[in-house]
Amino acid sequence: MSNGYLTTHILDTYNGTPGKGIKGVIYKIKNDNKIKIKDFTLNEDGRSQTPILEKNDFEIGKYEIVFFCGEYFKKFVKLKEPVFLDDVVIRFGINDPNAHYHVPLLVSPWSYSTYRGS
């Protein structure tokens, strides 16, 4: 079992608020196949309440998080279909099973950015 874990945090740059209630799903990528690990919903502060990946699920490899941001922004702004940004997909690698990985997302209906946080 590893000591590492993965967290996330979304800031809604359109409203200037945390991404409260944004839903997501995390997958492990193995031989170009996506293996679903779990669904999650961000709390009042736009953060995962608990790590979205830890213990036996946290291992060296390639992962993908899908954030359902289009669904979230439809609550605040009338967007023409198909929306410019719907599902935001972030694919990344974990190479240290004992580290804390943090994947923050800054997002609006028209743009996003991410980085490896701390």
PDB file of N, CA and C in Angstrom:
ATOM      1  N   MET A   1       0.848  -1.172   0.000  1.00  0.00           N
ATOM      2  CA  MET A   1       0.000   0.000   0.000  1.00  0.00           C
ATOM      3  C   MET A   1       0.899   1.242   0.000  1.00  0.00           C
ATOM      4  N   SER A   2       0.501   2.246  -0.783  1.00  0.00           N
ATOM      5  CA  SER A   2       1.285   3.476  -0.857  1.00  0.00           C
ATOM      6  C   SER A   2       0.829   4.471   0.210  1.00  0.00           C
ATOM      7  N   ASN A   3       1.659   5.469   0.434  1.00  0.00           N
ATOM      8  CA  ASN A   3       1.311   6.561   1.340  1.00  0.00           C
ATOM      9  C   ASN A   3       0.884   7.799   0.575  1.00  0.00           C
ATOM     10  N   GLY A   4       0.949   7.743  -0.749  1.00  0.00           N
ATOM     11  CA  GLY A   4       0.593   8.895  -1.563  1.00  0.00           C
ATOM     12  C   GLY A   4      -0.911   9.036  -1.713  1.00  0.00           C
ATOM     13  N   TYR A   5      -1.306  10.203  -2.215  1.00  0.00           N
ATOM     14  CA  TYR A   5      -2.732  10.435  -2.446  1.00  0.00           C
ATOM     15  C   TYR A   5      -2.909  11.568  -3.447  1.00  0.00           C
ATOM     16  N   LEU A   6      -4.117  11.662  -3.995  1.00  0.00           N
ATOM     17  CA  LEU A   6      -4.450  12.652  -5.015  1.00  0.00           C
ATOM     18  C   LEU A   6      -5.651  13.468  -4.576  1.00  0.00           C
ATOM     19  N   THR A   7      -5.526  14.795  -4.682  1.00  0.00           N
ATOM     20  CA  THR A   7      -6.636  15.694  -4.387  1.00  0.00           C
ATOM     21  C   THR A   7      -6.856  16.617  -5.580  1.00  0.00           C
ATOM     22  N   THR A   8      -7.963  17.337  -5.551  1.00  0.00           N
ATOM     23  CA  THR A   8      -8.260  18.301  -6.595  1.00  0.00           C
ATOM     24  C   THR A   8      -9.006  19.484  -6.005  1.00  0.00           C
ATOM     25  N   HIS A   9      -9.036  20.569  -6.778  1.00  0.00           N
ATOM     26  CA  HIS A   9      -9.693  21.800  -6.357  1.00  0.00           C
ATOM     27  C   HIS A   9     -10.051  22.562  -7.622  1.00  0.00           C
ATOM     28  N   ILE A  10     -11.275  23.055  -7.712  1.00  0.00           N
ATOM     29  CA  ILE A  10     -11.679  23.834  -8.886  1.00  0.00           C
ATOM     30  C   ILE A  10     -12.089  25.231  -8.454  1.00  0.00           C
ATOM     31  N   LEU A  11     -11.561  26.217  -9.186  1.00  0.00           N
ATOM     32  CA  LEU A  11     -11.992  27.600  -9.046  1.00  0.00           C
ATOM     33  C   LEU A  11     -12.728  27.994 -10.316  1.00  0.00           C
ATOM     34  N   ASP A  12     -13.941  28.490 -10.140  1.00  0.00           N
ATOM     35  CA  ASP A  12     -14.802  28.965 -11.225  1.00  0.00           C
ATOM     36  C   ASP A  12     -14.414  30.423 -11.486  1.00  0.00           C
ATOM     37  N   THR A  13     -13.674  30.673 -12.563  1.00  0.00           N
ATOM     38  CA  THR A  13     -13.204  32.032 -12.841  1.00  0.00           C
ATOM     39  C   THR A  13     -14.292  32.899 -13.473  1.00  0.00           C
ATOM     40  N   TYR A  14     -15.371  32.318 -13.929  1.00  0.00           N
ATOM     41  CA  TYR A  14     -16.495  33.080 -14.470  1.00  0.00           C
ATOM     42  C   TYR A  14     -17.242  33.798 -13.343  1.00  0.00           C
ATOM     43  N   ASN A  15     -17.524  33.072 -12.269  1.00  0.00           N
ATOM     44  CA  ASN A  15     -18.249  33.622 -11.127  1.00  0.00           C
ATOM     45  C   ASN A  15     -17.331  34.116 -10.011  1.00  0.00           C
ATOM     46  N   GLY A  16     -16.053  33.761 -10.076  1.00  0.00           N
ATOM     47  CA  GLY A  16     -15.129  34.135  -9.006  1.00  0.00           C
ATOM     48  C   GLY A  16     -15.380  33.386  -7.713  1.00  0.00           C
ATOM     49  N   THR A  17     -15.764  32.111  -7.841  1.00  0.00           N
ATOM     50  CA  THR A  17     -16.118  31.299  -6.679  1.00  0.00           C
ATOM     51  C   THR A  17     -15.513  29.899  -6.805  1.00  0.00           C
ATOM     52  N   PRO A  18     -15.503  29.138  -5.714  1.00  0.00           N
ATOM     53  CA  PRO A  18     -15.112  27.728  -5.817  1.00  0.00           C
ATOM     54  C   PRO A  18     -16.104  26.977  -6.712  1.00  0.00           C
ATOM     55  N   GLY A  19     -15.663  25.900  -7.320  1.00  0.00           N
ATOM     56  CA  GLY A  19     -16.503  25.085  -8.196  1.00  0.00           C
ATOM     57  C   GLY A  19     -17.371  24.116  -7.404  1.00  0.00           C
ATOM     58  N   LYS A  20     -18.218  24.649  -6.562  1.00  0.00           N
ATOM     59  CA  LYS A  20     -19.094  23.860  -5.686  1.00  0.00           C
ATOM     60  C   LYS A  20     -20.023  22.945  -6.494  1.00  0.00           C
ATOM     61  N   GLY A  21     -19.976  21.663  -6.170  1.00  0.00           N
ATOM     62  CA  GLY A  21     -20.901  20.704  -6.764  1.00  0.00           C
ATOM     63  C   GLY A  21     -20.492  20.156  -8.123  1.00  0.00           C
ATOM     64  N   ILE A  22     -19.320  20.552  -8.632  1.00  0.00           N
ATOM     65  CA  ILE A  22     -18.879  19.989  -9.916  1.00  0.00           C
ATOM     66  C   ILE A  22     -18.619  18.504  -9.725  1.00  0.00           C
ATOM     67  N   LYS A  23     -19.135  17.732 -10.660  1.00  0.00           N
ATOM     68  CA  LYS A  23     -18.958  16.282 -10.609  1.00  0.00           C
ATOM     69  C   LYS A  23     -17.767  15.873 -11.458  1.00  0.00           C
ATOM     70  N   GLY A  24     -17.183  14.757 -11.067  1.00  0.00           N
ATOM     71  CA  GLY A  24     -16.045  14.245 -11.815  1.00  0.00           C
ATOM     72  C   GLY A  24     -15.946  12.740 -11.691  1.00  0.00           C
ATOM     73  N   VAL A  25     -15.055  12.184 -12.486  1.00  0.00           N
ATOM     74  CA  VAL A  25     -14.765  10.760 -12.442  1.00  0.00           C
ATOM     75  C   VAL A  25     -13.273  10.583 -12.714  1.00  0.00           C
ATOM     76  N   ILE A  26     -12.658   9.621 -12.043  1.00  0.00           N
ATOM     77  CA  ILE A  26     -11.242   9.332 -12.268  1.00  0.00           C
ATOM     78  C   ILE A  26     -11.087   7.923 -12.815  1.00  0.00           C
ATOM     79  N   TYR A  27     -10.186   7.803 -13.792  1.00  0.00           N
ATOM     80  CA  TYR A  27      -9.888   6.534 -14.449  1.00  0.00           C
ATOM     81  C   TYR A  27      -8.389   6.264 -14.361  1.00  0.00           C
ATOM     82  N   LYS A  28      -8.030   4.993 -14.358  1.00  0.00           N
ATOM     83  CA  LYS A  28      -6.642   4.584 -14.565  1.00  0.00           C
ATOM     84  C   LYS A  28      -6.556   4.171 -16.029  1.00  0.00           C
ATOM     85  N   ILE A  29      -5.480   4.556 -16.695  1.00  0.00           N
ATOM     86  CA  ILE A  29      -5.271   4.205 -18.097  1.00  0.00           C
ATOM     87  C   ILE A  29      -4.292   3.037 -18.139  1.00  0.00           C
ATOM     88  N   LYS A  30      -4.730   1.926 -18.678  1.00  0.00           N
ATOM     89  CA  LYS A  30      -3.885   0.735 -18.758  1.00  0.00           C
ATOM     90  C   LYS A  30      -4.013   0.148 -20.161  1.00  0.00           C
ATOM     91  N   ASN A  31      -2.906   0.109 -20.890  1.00  0.00           N
ATOM     92  CA  ASN A  31      -2.910  -0.399 -22.271  1.00  0.00           C
ATOM     93  C   ASN A  31      -3.973   0.296 -23.116  1.00  0.00           C
ATOM     94  N   ASP A  32      -4.045   1.615 -23.000  1.00  0.00           N
ATOM     95  CA  ASP A  32      -5.020   2.451 -23.725  1.00  0.00           C
ATOM     96  C   ASP A  32      -6.478   2.176 -23.348  1.00  0.00           C
ATOM     97  N   ASN A  33      -6.712   1.422 -22.281  1.00  0.00           N
ATOM     98  CA  ASN A  33      -8.076   1.199 -21.783  1.00  0.00           C
ATOM     99  C   ASN A  33      -8.287   2.045 -20.539  1.00  0.00           C
ATOM    100  N   LYS A  34      -9.478   2.614 -20.411  1.00  0.00           N
ATOM    101  CA  LYS A  34      -9.834   3.399 -19.231  1.00  0.00           C
ATOM    102  C   LYS A  34     -10.564   2.508 -18.237  1.00  0.00           C
ATOM    103  N   ILE A  35     -10.026   2.427 -17.019  1.00  0.00           N
ATOM    104  CA  ILE A  35     -10.629   1.639 -15.951  1.00  0.00           C
ATOM    105  C   ILE A  35     -11.152   2.623 -14.905  1.00  0.00           C
ATOM    106  N   LYS A  36     -12.464   2.679 -14.745  1.00  0.00           N
ATOM    107  CA  LYS A  36     -13.066   3.633 -13.819  1.00  0.00           C
ATOM    108  C   LYS A  36     -12.718   3.258 -12.381  1.00  0.00           C
ATOM    109  N   ILE A  37     -12.251   4.266 -11.631  1.00  0.00           N
ATOM    110  CA  ILE A  37     -11.940   4.061 -10.225  1.00  0.00           C
ATOM    111  C   ILE A  37     -13.094   4.554  -9.365  1.00  0.00           C
ATOM    112  N   LYS A  38     -13.536   5.812  -9.593  1.00  0.00           N
ATOM    113  CA  LYS A  38     -14.675   6.297  -8.814  1.00  0.00           C
ATOM    114  C   LYS A  38     -15.189   7.635  -9.338  1.00  0.00           C
ATOM    115  N   ASP A  39     -16.434   7.920  -8.962  1.00  0.00           N
ATOM    116  CA  ASP A  39     -17.070   9.219  -9.197  1.00  0.00           C
ATOM    117  C   ASP A  39     -16.880  10.060  -7.943  1.00  0.00           C
ATOM    118  N   PHE A  40     -16.910  11.384  -8.106  1.00  0.00           N
ATOM    119  CA  PHE A  40     -16.822  12.271  -6.958  1.00  0.00           C
ATOM    120  C   PHE A  40     -17.549  13.577  -7.266  1.00  0.00           C
ATOM    121  N   THR A  41     -17.890  14.305  -6.214  1.00  0.00           N
ATOM    122  CA  THR A  41     -18.516  15.625  -6.320  1.00  0.00           C
ATOM    123  C   THR A  41     -17.767  16.566  -5.392  1.00  0.00           C
ATOM    124  N   LEU A  42     -17.446  17.756  -5.890  1.00  0.00           N
ATOM    125  CA  LEU A  42     -16.676  18.715  -5.100  1.00  0.00           C
ATOM    126  C   LEU A  42     -17.544  19.409  -4.066  1.00  0.00           C
ATOM    127  N   ASN A  43     -16.952  19.698  -2.910  1.00  0.00           N
ATOM    128  CA  ASN A  43     -17.688  20.281  -1.783  1.00  0.00           C
ATOM    129  C   ASN A  43     -17.879  21.794  -1.941  1.00  0.00           C
ATOM    130  N   GLU A  44     -18.371  22.449  -0.882  1.00  0.00           N
ATOM    131  CA  GLU A  44     -18.655  23.893  -0.874  1.00  0.00           C
ATOM    132  C   GLU A  44     -17.448  24.739  -1.248  1.00  0.00           C
ATOM    133  N   ASP A  45     -16.258  24.225  -0.961  1.00  0.00           N
ATOM    134  CA  ASP A  45     -15.028  24.956  -1.240  1.00  0.00           C
ATOM    135  C   ASP A  45     -14.428  24.558  -2.589  1.00  0.00           C
ATOM    136  N   GLY A  46     -15.157  23.758  -3.392  1.00  0.00           N
ATOM    137  CA  GLY A  46     -14.657  23.315  -4.686  1.00  0.00           C
ATOM    138  C   GLY A  46     -13.568  22.269  -4.586  1.00  0.00           C
ATOM    139  N   ARG A  47     -13.501  21.594  -3.459  1.00  0.00           N
ATOM    140  CA  ARG A  47     -12.462  20.583  -3.223  1.00  0.00           C
ATOM    141  C   ARG A  47     -13.088  19.204  -3.050  1.00  0.00           C
ATOM    142  N   SER A  48     -12.264  18.197  -3.266  1.00  0.00           N
ATOM    143  CA  SER A  48     -12.700  16.845  -2.953  1.00  0.00           C
ATOM    144  C   SER A  48     -12.690  16.717  -1.430  1.00  0.00           C
ATOM    145  N   GLN A  49     -13.753  16.189  -0.882  1.00  0.00           N
ATOM    146  CA  GLN A  49     -13.883  16.056   0.584  1.00  0.00           C
ATOM    147  C   GLN A  49     -12.789  15.160   1.156  1.00  0.00           C
ATOM    148  N   THR A  50     -12.492  14.111   0.429  1.00  0.00           N
ATOM    149  CA  THR A  50     -11.421  13.177   0.783  1.00  0.00           C
ATOM    150  C   THR A  50     -10.559  13.003  -0.463  1.00  0.00           C
ATOM    151  N   PRO A  51      -9.378  12.426  -0.354  1.00  0.00           N
ATOM    152  CA  PRO A  51      -8.581  12.198  -1.560  1.00  0.00           C
ATOM    153  C   PRO A  51      -9.385  11.405  -2.604  1.00  0.00           C
ATOM    154  N   ILE A  52      -9.215  11.779  -3.858  1.00  0.00           N
ATOM    155  CA  ILE A  52      -9.941  11.046  -4.907  1.00  0.00           C
ATOM    156  C   ILE A  52      -9.181   9.789  -5.327  1.00  0.00           C
ATOM    157  N   LEU A  53      -7.970   9.685  -4.843  1.00  0.00           N
ATOM    158  CA  LEU A  53      -7.178   8.483  -5.097  1.00  0.00           C
ATOM    159  C   LEU A  53      -6.230   8.317  -3.920  1.00  0.00           C
ATOM    160  N   GLU A  54      -6.194   7.117  -3.328  1.00  0.00           N
ATOM    161  CA  GLU A  54      -5.300   6.860  -2.192  1.00  0.00           C
ATOM    162  C   GLU A  54      -5.128   5.369  -1.990  1.00  0.00           C
ATOM    163  N   LYS A  55      -4.253   5.024  -1.074  1.00  0.00           N
ATOM    164  CA  LYS A  55      -3.989   3.650  -0.648  1.00  0.00           C
ATOM    165  C   LYS A  55      -3.728   2.717  -1.826  1.00  0.00           C
ATOM    166  N   ASN A  56      -4.464   1.629  -1.937  1.00  0.00           N
ATOM    167  CA  ASN A  56      -4.223   0.625  -2.982  1.00  0.00           C
ATOM    168  C   ASN A  56      -4.490   1.136  -4.390  1.00  0.00           C
ATOM    169  N   ASP A  57      -5.353   2.148  -4.545  1.00  0.00           N
ATOM    170  CA  ASP A  57      -5.637   2.702  -5.868  1.00  0.00           C
ATOM    171  C   ASP A  57      -4.560   3.679  -6.330  1.00  0.00           C
ATOM    172  N   PHE A  58      -3.745   4.169  -5.414  1.00  0.00           N
ATOM    173  CA  PHE A  58      -2.718   5.162  -5.736  1.00  0.00           C
ATOM    174  C   PHE A  58      -1.425   4.440  -6.069  1.00  0.00           C
ATOM    175  N   GLU A  59      -1.148   4.312  -7.352  1.00  0.00           N
ATOM    176  CA  GLU A  59       0.053   3.612  -7.792  1.00  0.00           C
ATOM    177  C   GLU A  59       0.623   4.286  -9.032  1.00  0.00           C
ATOM    178  N   ILE A  60       1.858   3.958  -9.334  1.00  0.00           N
ATOM    179  CA  ILE A  60       2.513   4.509 -10.512  1.00  0.00           C
ATOM    180  C   ILE A  60       1.682   4.164 -11.741  1.00  0.00           C
ATOM    181  N   GLY A  61       1.506   5.170 -12.605  1.00  0.00           N
ATOM    182  CA  GLY A  61       0.755   4.931 -13.835  1.00  0.00           C
ATOM    183  C   GLY A  61       0.161   6.201 -14.399  1.00  0.00           C
ATOM    184  N   LYS A  62      -0.629   6.013 -15.439  1.00  0.00           N
ATOM    185  CA  LYS A  62      -1.295   7.118 -16.122  1.00  0.00           C
ATOM    186  C   LYS A  62      -2.760   7.144 -15.700  1.00  0.00           C
ATOM    187  N   TYR A  63      -3.279   8.349 -15.464  1.00  0.00           N
ATOM    188  CA  TYR A  63      -4.644   8.539 -14.982  1.00  0.00           C
ATOM    189  C   TYR A  63      -5.351   9.607 -15.802  1.00  0.00           C
ATOM    190  N   GLU A  64      -6.660   9.621 -15.678  1.00  0.00           N
ATOM    191  CA  GLU A  64      -7.462  10.638 -16.345  1.00  0.00           C
ATOM    192  C   GLU A  64      -8.590  11.064 -15.417  1.00  0.00           C
ATOM    193  N   ILE A  65      -8.740  12.380 -15.258  1.00  0.00           N
ATOM    194  CA  ILE A  65      -9.881  12.928 -14.533  1.00  0.00           C
ATOM    195  C   ILE A  65     -10.763  13.637 -15.547  1.00  0.00           C
ATOM    196  N   VAL A  66     -12.060  13.385 -15.473  1.00  0.00           N
ATOM    197  CA  VAL A  66     -13.032  14.089 -16.304  1.00  0.00           C
ATOM    198  C   VAL A  66     -13.887  14.932 -15.361  1.00  0.00           C
ATOM    199  N   PHE A  67     -13.879  16.241 -15.582  1.00  0.00           N
ATOM    200  CA  PHE A  67     -14.706  17.169 -14.817  1.00  0.00           C
ATOM    201  C   PHE A  67     -15.890  17.577 -15.698  1.00  0.00           C
ATOM    202  N   PHE A  68     -17.095  17.480 -15.187  1.00  0.00           N
ATOM    203  CA  PHE A  68     -18.301  17.789 -15.958  1.00  0.00           C
ATOM    204  C   PHE A  68     -18.662  19.264 -15.773  1.00  0.00           C
ATOM    205  N   CYS A  69     -17.854  20.122 -16.372  1.00  0.00           N
ATOM    206  CA  CYS A  69     -17.973  21.569 -16.187  1.00  0.00           C
ATOM    207  C   CYS A  69     -19.112  22.179 -16.986  1.00  0.00           C
ATOM    208  N   GLY A  70     -19.427  21.647 -18.151  1.00  0.00           N
ATOM    209  CA  GLY A  70     -20.533  22.177 -18.949  1.00  0.00           C
ATOM    210  C   GLY A  70     -21.838  22.090 -18.182  1.00  0.00           C
ATOM    211  N   GLU A  71     -22.059  20.960 -17.555  1.00  0.00           N
ATOM    212  CA  GLU A  71     -23.255  20.741 -16.722  1.00  0.00           C
ATOM    213  C   GLU A  71     -23.326  21.785 -15.605  1.00  0.00           C
ATOM    214  N   TYR A  72     -22.201  22.080 -14.998  1.00  0.00           N
ATOM    215  CA  TYR A  72     -22.114  23.056 -13.918  1.00  0.00           C
ATOM    216  C   TYR A  72     -22.434  24.472 -14.420  1.00  0.00           C
ATOM    217  N   PHE A  73     -21.811  24.897 -15.531  1.00  0.00           N
ATOM    218  CA  PHE A  73     -21.979  26.271 -15.998  1.00  0.00           C
ATOM    219  C   PHE A  73     -23.372  26.554 -16.566  1.00  0.00           C
ATOM    220  N   LYS A  74     -24.088  25.542 -16.973  1.00  0.00           N
ATOM    221  CA  LYS A  74     -25.456  25.751 -17.474  1.00  0.00           C
ATOM    222  C   LYS A  74     -26.365  26.325 -16.392  1.00  0.00           C
ATOM    223  N   LYS A  75     -25.970  26.214 -15.128  1.00  0.00           N
ATOM    224  CA  LYS A  75     -26.750  26.791 -14.027  1.00  0.00           C
ATOM    225  C   LYS A  75     -26.611  28.312 -13.961  1.00  0.00           C
ATOM    226  N   PHE A  76     -25.547  28.862 -14.555  1.00  0.00           N
ATOM    227  CA  PHE A  76     -25.222  30.275 -14.402  1.00  0.00           C
ATOM    228  C   PHE A  76     -25.318  31.102 -15.679  1.00  0.00           C
ATOM    229  N   VAL A  77     -25.136  30.475 -16.807  1.00  0.00           N
ATOM    230  CA  VAL A  77     -25.073  31.226 -18.058  1.00  0.00           C
ATOM    231  C   VAL A  77     -25.754  30.412 -19.164  1.00  0.00           C
ATOM    232  N   LYS A  78     -26.497  31.115 -20.016  1.00  0.00           N
ATOM    233  CA  LYS A  78     -27.160  30.437 -21.135  1.00  0.00           C
ATOM    234  C   LYS A  78     -26.108  30.210 -22.216  1.00  0.00           C
ATOM    235  N   LEU A  79     -25.818  28.960 -22.460  1.00  0.00           N
ATOM    236  CA  LEU A  79     -24.794  28.593 -23.431  1.00  0.00           C
ATOM    237  C   LEU A  79     -25.439  27.965 -24.657  1.00  0.00           C
ATOM    238  N   LYS A  80     -24.950  28.340 -25.818  1.00  0.00           N
ATOM    239  CA  LYS A  80     -25.428  27.763 -27.073  1.00  0.00           C
ATOM    240  C   LYS A  80     -24.890  26.349 -27.220  1.00  0.00           C
ATOM    241  N   GLU A  81     -25.743  25.452 -27.645  1.00  0.00           N
ATOM    242  CA  GLU A  81     -25.321  24.049 -27.857  1.00  0.00           C
ATOM    243  C   GLU A  81     -24.737  23.888 -29.251  1.00  0.00           C
ATOM    244  N   PRO A  82     -23.718  23.096 -29.402  1.00  0.00           N
ATOM    245  CA  PRO A  82     -22.967  22.464 -28.322  1.00  0.00           C
ATOM    246  C   PRO A  82     -22.089  23.497 -27.624  1.00  0.00           C
ATOM    247  N   VAL A  83     -21.955  23.345 -26.311  1.00  0.00           N
ATOM    248  CA  VAL A  83     -21.160  24.291 -25.537  1.00  0.00           C
ATOM    249  C   VAL A  83     -19.688  24.169 -25.913  1.00  0.00           C
ATOM    250  N   PHE A  84     -18.970  25.271 -25.769  1.00  0.00           N
ATOM    251  CA  PHE A  84     -17.546  25.271 -26.127  1.00  0.00           C
ATOM    252  C   PHE A  84     -16.760  24.305 -25.250  1.00  0.00           C
ATOM    253  N   LEU A  85     -16.904  24.429 -23.917  1.00  0.00           N
ATOM    254  CA  LEU A  85     -16.264  23.486 -22.997  1.00  0.00           C
ATOM    255  C   LEU A  85     -17.357  22.716 -22.276  1.00  0.00           C
ATOM    256  N   ASP A  86     -17.345  21.425 -22.439  1.00  0.00           N
ATOM    257  CA  ASP A  86     -18.317  20.590 -21.764  1.00  0.00           C
ATOM    258  C   ASP A  86     -17.576  19.774 -20.707  1.00  0.00           C
ATOM    259  N   ASP A  87     -17.037  18.657 -21.094  1.00  0.00           N
ATOM    260  CA  ASP A  87     -16.248  17.836 -20.178  1.00  0.00           C
ATOM    261  C   ASP A  87     -14.782  18.243 -20.306  1.00  0.00           C
ATOM    262  N   VAL A  88     -14.155  18.586 -19.195  1.00  0.00           N
ATOM    263  CA  VAL A  88     -12.736  18.928 -19.191  1.00  0.00           C
ATOM    264  C   VAL A  88     -11.981  17.675 -18.777  1.00  0.00           C
ATOM    265  N   VAL A  89     -11.093  17.216 -19.662  1.00  0.00           N
ATOM    266  CA  VAL A  89     -10.356  15.974 -19.453  1.00  0.00           C
ATOM    267  C   VAL A  89      -8.891  16.310 -19.175  1.00  0.00           C
ATOM    268  N   ILE A  90      -8.385  15.800 -18.067  1.00  0.00           N
ATOM    269  CA  ILE A  90      -6.980  16.009 -17.717  1.00  0.00           C
ATOM    270  C   ILE A  90      -6.338  14.633 -17.551  1.00  0.00           C
ATOM    271  N   ARG A  91      -5.349  14.358 -18.406  1.00  0.00           N
ATOM    272  CA  ARG A  91      -4.621  13.088 -18.335  1.00  0.00           C
ATOM    273  C   ARG A  91      -3.226  13.382 -17.800  1.00  0.00           C
ATOM    274  N   PHE A  92      -2.804  12.631 -16.804  1.00  0.00           N
ATOM    275  CA  PHE A  92      -1.541  12.909 -16.126  1.00  0.00           C
ATOM    276  C   PHE A  92      -0.934  11.609 -15.618  1.00  0.00           C
ATOM    277  N   GLY A  93       0.334  11.683 -15.227  1.00  0.00           N
ATOM    278  CA  GLY A  93       1.034  10.515 -14.709  1.00  0.00           C
ATOM    279  C   GLY A  93       1.421  10.667 -13.260  1.00  0.00           C
ATOM    280  N   ILE A  94       1.457   9.549 -12.561  1.00  0.00           N
ATOM    281  CA  ILE A  94       1.951   9.478 -11.183  1.00  0.00           C
ATOM    282  C   ILE A  94       3.196   8.609 -11.222  1.00  0.00           C
ATOM    283  N   ASN A  95       4.328   9.162 -10.736  1.00  0.00           N
ATOM    284  CA  ASN A  95       5.559   8.376 -10.753  1.00  0.00           C
ATOM    285  C   ASN A  95       6.173   8.185  -9.367  1.00  0.00           C
ATOM    286  N   ASP A  96       5.507   8.729  -8.348  1.00  0.00           N
ATOM    287  CA  ASP A  96       5.973   8.552  -6.967  1.00  0.00           C
ATOM    288  C   ASP A  96       4.786   8.113  -6.108  1.00  0.00           C
ATOM    289  N   PRO A  97       4.706   6.838  -5.744  1.00  0.00           N
ATOM    290  CA  PRO A  97       3.550   6.328  -5.003  1.00  0.00           C
ATOM    291  C   PRO A  97       3.452   6.822  -3.559  1.00  0.00           C
ATOM    292  N   ASN A  98       4.412   7.615  -3.114  1.00  0.00           N
ATOM    293  CA  ASN A  98       4.375   8.121  -1.748  1.00  0.00           C
ATOM    294  C   ASN A  98       4.233   9.642  -1.673  1.00  0.00           C
ATOM    295  N   ALA A  99       3.929  10.266  -2.798  1.00  0.00           N
ATOM    296  CA  ALA A  99       3.817  11.725  -2.841  1.00  0.00           C
ATOM    297  C   ALA A  99       2.351  12.171  -2.824  1.00  0.00           C
ATOM    298  N   HIS A 100       2.159  13.446  -2.511  1.00  0.00           N
ATOM    299  CA  HIS A 100       0.830  14.062  -2.627  1.00  0.00           C
ATOM    300  C   HIS A 100       0.774  14.732  -3.994  1.00  0.00           C
ATOM    301  N   TYR A 101      -0.157  14.303  -4.811  1.00  0.00           N
ATOM    302  CA  TYR A 101      -0.407  14.940  -6.104  1.00  0.00           C
ATOM    303  C   TYR A 101      -1.694  15.742  -5.966  1.00  0.00           C
ATOM    304  N   HIS A 102      -1.671  16.945  -6.526  1.00  0.00           N
ATOM    305  CA  HIS A 102      -2.843  17.815  -6.475  1.00  0.00           C
ATOM    306  C   HIS A 102      -3.082  18.352  -7.885  1.00  0.00           C
ATOM    307  N   VAL A 103      -4.296  18.169  -8.396  1.00  0.00           N
ATOM    308  CA  VAL A 103      -4.645  18.627  -9.742  1.00  0.00           C
ATOM    309  C   VAL A 103      -5.696  19.722  -9.617  1.00  0.00           C
ATOM    310  N   PRO A 104      -5.247  21.000  -9.576  1.00  0.00           N
ATOM    311  CA  PRO A 104      -6.194  22.101  -9.532  1.00  0.00           C
ATOM    312  C   PRO A 104      -6.675  22.451 -10.936  1.00  0.00           C
ATOM    313  N   LEU A 105      -7.860  23.044 -11.008  1.00  0.00           N
ATOM    314  CA  LEU A 105      -8.428  23.447 -12.293  1.00  0.00           C
ATOM    315  C   LEU A 105      -9.031  24.837 -12.131  1.00  0.00           C
ATOM    316  N   LEU A 106      -8.633  25.749 -13.001  1.00  0.00           N
ATOM    317  CA  LEU A 106      -9.246  27.070 -13.106  1.00  0.00           C
ATOM    318  C   LEU A 106     -10.084  27.004 -14.369  1.00  0.00           C
ATOM    319  N   VAL A 107     -11.400  27.301 -14.263  1.00  0.00           N
ATOM    320  CA  VAL A 107     -12.268  27.052 -15.406  1.00  0.00           C
ATOM    321  C   VAL A 107     -13.346  28.110 -15.548  1.00  0.00           C
ATOM    322  N   SER A 108     -13.683  28.413 -16.790  1.00  0.00           N
ATOM    323  CA  SER A 108     -14.822  29.261 -17.146  1.00  0.00           C
ATOM    324  C   SER A 108     -15.555  28.513 -18.263  1.00  0.00           C
ATOM    325  N   PRO A 109     -16.664  29.026 -18.760  1.00  0.00           N
ATOM    326  CA  PRO A 109     -17.340  28.335 -19.868  1.00  0.00           C
ATOM    327  C   PRO A 109     -16.509  28.301 -21.155  1.00  0.00           C
ATOM    328  N   TRP A 110     -15.424  29.099 -21.224  1.00  0.00           N
ATOM    329  CA  TRP A 110     -14.663  29.212 -22.466  1.00  0.00           C
ATOM    330  C   TRP A 110     -13.180  28.902 -22.341  1.00  0.00           C
ATOM    331  N   SER A 111     -12.697  28.626 -21.122  1.00  0.00           N
ATOM    332  CA  SER A 111     -11.270  28.360 -20.983  1.00  0.00           C
ATOM    333  C   SER A 111     -10.989  27.581 -19.699  1.00  0.00           C
ATOM    334  N   TYR A 112      -9.801  26.968 -19.670  1.00  0.00           N
ATOM    335  CA  TYR A 112      -9.364  26.312 -18.443  1.00  0.00           C
ATOM    336  C   TYR A 112      -7.843  26.237 -18.415  1.00  0.00           C
ATOM    337  N   SER A 113      -7.303  26.075 -17.206  1.00  0.00           N
ATOM    338  CA  SER A 113      -5.884  25.814 -17.048  1.00  0.00           C
ATOM    339  C   SER A 113      -5.699  24.941 -15.817  1.00  0.00           C
ATOM    340  N   THR A 114      -4.613  24.196 -15.835  1.00  0.00           N
ATOM    341  CA  THR A 114      -4.289  23.299 -14.740  1.00  0.00           C
ATOM    342  C   THR A 114      -2.780  23.266 -14.556  1.00  0.00           C
ATOM    343  N   TYR A 115      -2.351  22.660 -13.472  1.00  0.00           N
ATOM    344  CA  TYR A 115      -0.935  22.518 -13.172  1.00  0.00           C
ATOM    345  C   TYR A 115      -0.806  21.494 -12.069  1.00  0.00           C
ATOM    346  N   ARG A 116       0.402  21.077 -11.758  1.00  0.00           N
ATOM    347  CA  ARG A 116       0.576  20.191 -10.609  1.00  0.00           C
ATOM    348  C   ARG A 116       0.703  21.055  -9.375  1.00  0.00           C
ATOM    349  N   GLY A 117      -0.294  20.991  -8.531  1.00  0.00           N
ATOM    350  CA  GLY A 117      -0.321  21.804  -7.316  1.00  0.00           C
ATOM    351  C   GLY A 117       0.359  21.110  -6.165  1.00  0.00           C
ATOM    352  N   SER A 118       0.240  21.737  -5.005  1.00  0.00           N
ATOM    353  CA  SER A 118       0.873  21.163  -3.813  1.00  0.00           C
ATOM    354  C   SER A 118      -0.161  21.020  -2.704  1.00  0.00           C
TER     355      SER A 118
END
